[in-house]
């Protein structure tokens, strides 16, 4: 009973309240941007509200893939989260870093961002792709090992 109440409260906060507050924070940021005053904190609050809402919704998906009474529920949810981050987000971030690195080498934005090292973008991209590849390799080894030793 208490667990259902906490689940419903979390759903309500993550799916209703936080996106609504994000819209309000963005509206305040726009009004503050035009007039006097600081607008960055309001913008960050809007993004933070959307991020927390997205994280809560992602955790719902990751935890709902197993039965509620499965003793490995938390472990499988954490494994699904790591799998998604390493196999989806890291390659996308790697591509983004390659684009930023190419733009830095080409001199795009050199007057906006002084002293940026273009090599770190390529190194970050390589790290993203290596992490994704290592996780995929580990998954392959685990799948090969579940069939038993032949």
C-alpha atoms as a PDB file:
ATOM      1  CA  UNK A   1       0.000   0.000   0.000  1.00  0.00           C
ATOM      2  CA  UNK A   2       2.737   2.469   0.972  1.00  0.00           C
ATOM      3  CA  UNK A   3       4.863   1.331  -1.967  1.00  0.00           C
ATOM      4  CA  UNK A   4       1.978   2.009  -4.388  1.00  0.00           C
ATOM      5  CA  UNK A   5       1.516   5.469  -2.894  1.00  0.00           C
ATOM      6  CA  UNK A   6       5.203   6.308  -3.301  1.00  0.00           C
ATOM      7  CA  UNK A   7       5.141   4.958  -6.872  1.00  0.00           C
ATOM      8  CA  UNK A   8       2.087   7.074  -7.739  1.00  0.00           C
ATOM      9  CA  UNK A   9       3.655  10.151  -6.141  1.00  0.00           C
ATOM     10  CA  UNK A  10       6.859   9.621  -8.121  1.00  0.00           C
ATOM     11  CA  UNK A  11       4.879   9.158 -11.353  1.00  0.00           C
ATOM     12  CA  UNK A  12       2.874  12.307 -10.687  1.00  0.00           C
ATOM     13  CA  UNK A  13       5.972  14.365  -9.895  1.00  0.00           C
ATOM     14  CA  UNK A  14       8.017  13.009 -12.815  1.00  0.00           C
ATOM     15  CA  UNK A  15       5.316  13.015 -15.477  1.00  0.00           C
ATOM     16  CA  UNK A  16       3.171  16.027 -14.520  1.00  0.00           C
ATOM     17  CA  UNK A  17       4.756  18.462 -12.114  1.00  0.00           C
ATOM     18  CA  UNK A  18       8.368  18.597 -13.311  1.00  0.00           C
ATOM     19  CA  UNK A  19       7.584  19.153 -17.032  1.00  0.00           C
ATOM     20  CA  UNK A  20       5.073  21.837 -16.014  1.00  0.00           C
ATOM     21  CA  UNK A  21       7.679  23.534 -13.841  1.00  0.00           C
ATOM     22  CA  UNK A  22      10.176  23.290 -16.700  1.00  0.00           C
ATOM     23  CA  UNK A  23       7.808  25.251 -18.929  1.00  0.00           C
ATOM     24  CA  UNK A  24       7.385  27.851 -16.205  1.00  0.00           C
ATOM     25  CA  UNK A  25      11.145  28.115 -15.666  1.00  0.00           C
ATOM     26  CA  UNK A  26      11.760  28.546 -19.411  1.00  0.00           C
ATOM     27  CA  UNK A  27       9.087  31.256 -19.589  1.00  0.00           C
ATOM     28  CA  UNK A  28      10.707  33.112 -16.682  1.00  0.00           C
ATOM     29  CA  UNK A  29      14.115  32.739 -18.357  1.00  0.00           C
ATOM     30  CA  UNK A  30      12.808  34.337 -21.562  1.00  0.00           C
ATOM     31  CA  UNK A  31      11.227  37.212 -19.668  1.00  0.00           C
ATOM     32  CA  UNK A  32      14.417  37.744 -17.651  1.00  0.00           C
ATOM     33  CA  UNK A  33      16.538  37.521 -20.824  1.00  0.00           C
ATOM     34  CA  UNK A  34      14.722  40.449 -22.417  1.00  0.00           C
ATOM     35  CA  UNK A  35      14.681  42.594 -19.302  1.00  0.00           C
ATOM     36  CA  UNK A  36      17.223  43.235 -16.610  1.00  0.00           C
ATOM     37  CA  UNK A  37      18.298  40.408 -14.386  1.00  0.00           C
ATOM     38  CA  UNK A  38      19.941  37.046 -14.618  1.00  0.00           C
ATOM     39  CA  UNK A  39      18.268  34.451 -16.834  1.00  0.00           C
ATOM     40  CA  UNK A  40      20.764  31.559 -16.825  1.00  0.00           C
ATOM     41  CA  UNK A  41      19.683  30.082 -13.493  1.00  0.00           C
ATOM     42  CA  UNK A  42      16.061  29.912 -14.635  1.00  0.00           C
ATOM     43  CA  UNK A  43      17.112  28.218 -17.851  1.00  0.00           C
ATOM     44  CA  UNK A  44      19.228  25.710 -15.936  1.00  0.00           C
ATOM     45  CA  UNK A  45      16.297  25.029 -13.600  1.00  0.00           C
ATOM     46  CA  UNK A  46      14.105  24.258 -16.624  1.00  0.00           C
ATOM     47  CA  UNK A  47      16.663  21.869 -18.086  1.00  0.00           C
ATOM     48  CA  UNK A  48      17.186  20.243 -14.683  1.00  0.00           C
ATOM     49  CA  UNK A  49      13.439  19.689 -14.307  1.00  0.00           C
ATOM     50  CA  UNK A  50      13.288  18.022 -17.711  1.00  0.00           C
ATOM     51  CA  UNK A  51      16.347  15.910 -16.938  1.00  0.00           C
ATOM     52  CA  UNK A  52      14.937  14.667 -13.633  1.00  0.00           C
ATOM     53  CA  UNK A  53      11.634  13.895 -15.342  1.00  0.00           C
ATOM     54  CA  UNK A  54      13.440  11.995 -18.091  1.00  0.00           C
ATOM     55  CA  UNK A  55      15.575  10.070 -15.620  1.00  0.00           C
ATOM     56  CA  UNK A  56      12.493   9.032 -13.633  1.00  0.00           C
ATOM     57  CA  UNK A  57      10.734   7.876 -16.792  1.00  0.00           C
ATOM     58  CA  UNK A  58      13.845   5.990 -17.936  1.00  0.00           C
ATOM     59  CA  UNK A  59      14.138   4.258 -14.563  1.00  0.00           C
ATOM     60  CA  UNK A  60      10.489   3.196 -14.844  1.00  0.00           C
ATOM     61  CA  UNK A  61      11.241   1.558 -18.196  1.00  0.00           C
ATOM     62  CA  UNK A  62      14.431  -0.099 -16.992  1.00  0.00           C
ATOM     63  CA  UNK A  63      12.811  -1.484 -13.836  1.00  0.00           C
ATOM     64  CA  UNK A  64       9.605  -2.629 -15.535  1.00  0.00           C
ATOM     65  CA  UNK A  65      11.441  -5.115 -17.742  1.00  0.00           C
ATOM     66  CA  UNK A  66      11.568  -7.638 -14.888  1.00  0.00           C
ATOM     67  CA  UNK A  67       8.878  -9.060 -12.635  1.00  0.00           C
ATOM     68  CA  UNK A  68       8.344  -7.143  -9.401  1.00  0.00           C
ATOM     69  CA  UNK A  69       9.304 -10.127  -7.255  1.00  0.00           C
ATOM     70  CA  UNK A  70      12.470 -11.006  -9.193  1.00  0.00           C
ATOM     71  CA  UNK A  71      15.425 -10.889  -6.796  1.00  0.00           C
ATOM     72  CA  UNK A  72      17.642  -9.566  -9.600  1.00  0.00           C
ATOM     73  CA  UNK A  73      15.334  -6.604 -10.341  1.00  0.00           C
ATOM     74  CA  UNK A  74      17.787  -3.922  -9.255  1.00  0.00           C
ATOM     75  CA  UNK A  75      20.771  -5.630 -10.851  1.00  0.00           C
ATOM     76  CA  UNK A  76      18.991  -6.121 -14.175  1.00  0.00           C
ATOM     77  CA  UNK A  77      17.723  -2.524 -14.121  1.00  0.00           C
ATOM     78  CA  UNK A  78      21.233  -1.227 -13.508  1.00  0.00           C
ATOM     79  CA  UNK A  79      22.616  -3.475 -16.234  1.00  0.00           C
ATOM     80  CA  UNK A  80      19.974  -2.230 -18.702  1.00  0.00           C
ATOM     81  CA  UNK A  81      20.843   1.369 -17.800  1.00  0.00           C
ATOM     82  CA  UNK A  82      24.577   0.798 -18.370  1.00  0.00           C
ATOM     83  CA  UNK A  83      23.806  -1.026 -21.621  1.00  0.00           C
ATOM     84  CA  UNK A  84      21.664   1.859 -22.873  1.00  0.00           C
ATOM     85  CA  UNK A  85      24.197   4.522 -21.897  1.00  0.00           C
ATOM     86  CA  UNK A  86      27.170   2.668 -23.397  1.00  0.00           C
ATOM     87  CA  UNK A  87      25.483   1.391 -26.572  1.00  0.00           C
ATOM     88  CA  UNK A  88      23.224   4.340 -27.407  1.00  0.00           C
ATOM     89  CA  UNK A  89      24.413   7.526 -25.757  1.00  0.00           C
ATOM     90  CA  UNK A  90      28.194   7.066 -25.978  1.00  0.00           C
ATOM     91  CA  UNK A  91      28.273   6.542 -29.789  1.00  0.00           C
ATOM     92  CA  UNK A  92      26.022   9.568 -30.274  1.00  0.00           C
ATOM     93  CA  UNK A  93      28.237  11.652 -28.013  1.00  0.00           C
ATOM     94  CA  UNK A  94      31.285  10.360 -29.880  1.00  0.00           C
ATOM     95  CA  UNK A  95      29.856  11.537 -33.208  1.00  0.00           C
ATOM     96  CA  UNK A  96      29.093  14.916 -31.635  1.00  0.00           C
ATOM     97  CA  UNK A  97      32.692  15.198 -30.410  1.00  0.00           C
ATOM     98  CA  UNK A  98      34.020  14.377 -33.889  1.00  0.00           C
ATOM     99  CA  UNK A  99      31.862  17.148 -35.372  1.00  0.00           C
ATOM    100  CA  UNK A 100      33.044  19.613 -32.712  1.00  0.00           C
ATOM    101  CA  UNK A 101      36.659  18.560 -33.290  1.00  0.00           C
ATOM    102  CA  UNK A 102      36.357  19.054 -37.053  1.00  0.00           C
ATOM    103  CA  UNK A 103      34.803  22.456 -36.492  1.00  0.00           C
ATOM    104  CA  UNK A 104      37.619  23.371 -34.089  1.00  0.00           C
ATOM    105  CA  UNK A 105      40.285  22.295 -36.604  1.00  0.00           C
ATOM    106  CA  UNK A 106      38.496  24.266 -39.330  1.00  0.00           C
ATOM    107  CA  UNK A 107      38.489  27.357 -37.129  1.00  0.00           C
ATOM    108  CA  UNK A 108      34.718  27.620 -36.755  1.00  0.00           C
ATOM    109  CA  UNK A 109      33.933  29.564 -33.617  1.00  0.00           C
ATOM    110  CA  UNK A 110      37.543  30.516 -32.903  1.00  0.00           C
ATOM    111  CA  UNK A 111      36.453  33.992 -31.928  1.00  0.00           C
ATOM    112  CA  UNK A 112      33.829  32.670 -29.548  1.00  0.00           C
ATOM    113  CA  UNK A 113      35.900  30.117 -27.654  1.00  0.00           C
ATOM    114  CA  UNK A 114      39.510  31.067 -27.201  1.00  0.00           C
ATOM    115  CA  UNK A 115      42.188  28.547 -26.391  1.00  0.00           C
ATOM    116  CA  UNK A 116      40.201  25.375 -27.073  1.00  0.00           C
ATOM    117  CA  UNK A 117      42.234  22.282 -27.810  1.00  0.00           C
ATOM    118  CA  UNK A 118      40.772  20.457 -30.798  1.00  0.00           C
ATOM    119  CA  UNK A 119      42.517  17.201 -29.933  1.00  0.00           C
ATOM    120  CA  UNK A 120      40.505  16.687 -26.753  1.00  0.00           C
ATOM    121  CA  UNK A 121      37.301  16.412 -28.800  1.00  0.00           C
ATOM    122  CA  UNK A 122      38.768  13.590 -30.869  1.00  0.00           C
ATOM    123  CA  UNK A 123      40.096  11.911 -27.714  1.00  0.00           C
ATOM    124  CA  UNK A 124      36.652  12.136 -26.089  1.00  0.00           C
ATOM    125  CA  UNK A 125      35.080  10.630 -29.224  1.00  0.00           C
ATOM    126  CA  UNK A 126      37.604   7.784 -29.202  1.00  0.00           C
ATOM    127  CA  UNK A 127      36.871   7.164 -25.521  1.00  0.00           C
ATOM    128  CA  UNK A 128      33.132   7.018 -26.213  1.00  0.00           C
ATOM    129  CA  UNK A 129      33.551   4.532 -29.035  1.00  0.00           C
ATOM    130  CA  UNK A 130      36.007   2.416 -27.029  1.00  0.00           C
ATOM    131  CA  UNK A 131      33.635   2.280 -24.047  1.00  0.00           C
ATOM    132  CA  UNK A 132      30.755   1.275 -26.294  1.00  0.00           C
ATOM    133  CA  UNK A 133      32.865  -1.376 -27.996  1.00  0.00           C
ATOM    134  CA  UNK A 134      34.134  -2.823 -24.711  1.00  0.00           C
ATOM    135  CA  UNK A 135      30.587  -3.105 -23.342  1.00  0.00           C
ATOM    136  CA  UNK A 136      29.417  -4.783 -26.552  1.00  0.00           C
ATOM    137  CA  UNK A 137      32.380  -7.172 -26.393  1.00  0.00           C
ATOM    138  CA  UNK A 138      31.601  -8.000 -22.770  1.00  0.00           C
ATOM    139  CA  UNK A 139      27.959  -8.645 -23.703  1.00  0.00           C
ATOM    140  CA  UNK A 140      29.095 -10.965 -26.479  1.00  0.00           C
ATOM    141  CA  UNK A 141      31.350 -12.913 -24.080  1.00  0.00           C
ATOM    142  CA  UNK A 142      28.491 -13.214 -21.569  1.00  0.00           C
ATOM    143  CA  UNK A 143      26.103 -14.455 -24.260  1.00  0.00           C
ATOM    144  CA  UNK A 144      28.662 -17.003 -25.433  1.00  0.00           C
ATOM    145  CA  UNK A 145      29.180 -18.172 -21.857  1.00  0.00           C
ATOM    146  CA  UNK A 146      25.485 -18.717 -21.135  1.00  0.00           C
ATOM    147  CA  UNK A 147      25.378 -21.625 -23.589  1.00  0.00           C
ATOM    148  CA  UNK A 148      27.705 -23.665 -21.422  1.00  0.00           C
ATOM    149  CA  UNK A 149      31.191 -24.965 -22.021  1.00  0.00           C
ATOM    150  CA  UNK A 150      31.525 -27.228 -25.043  1.00  0.00           C
END
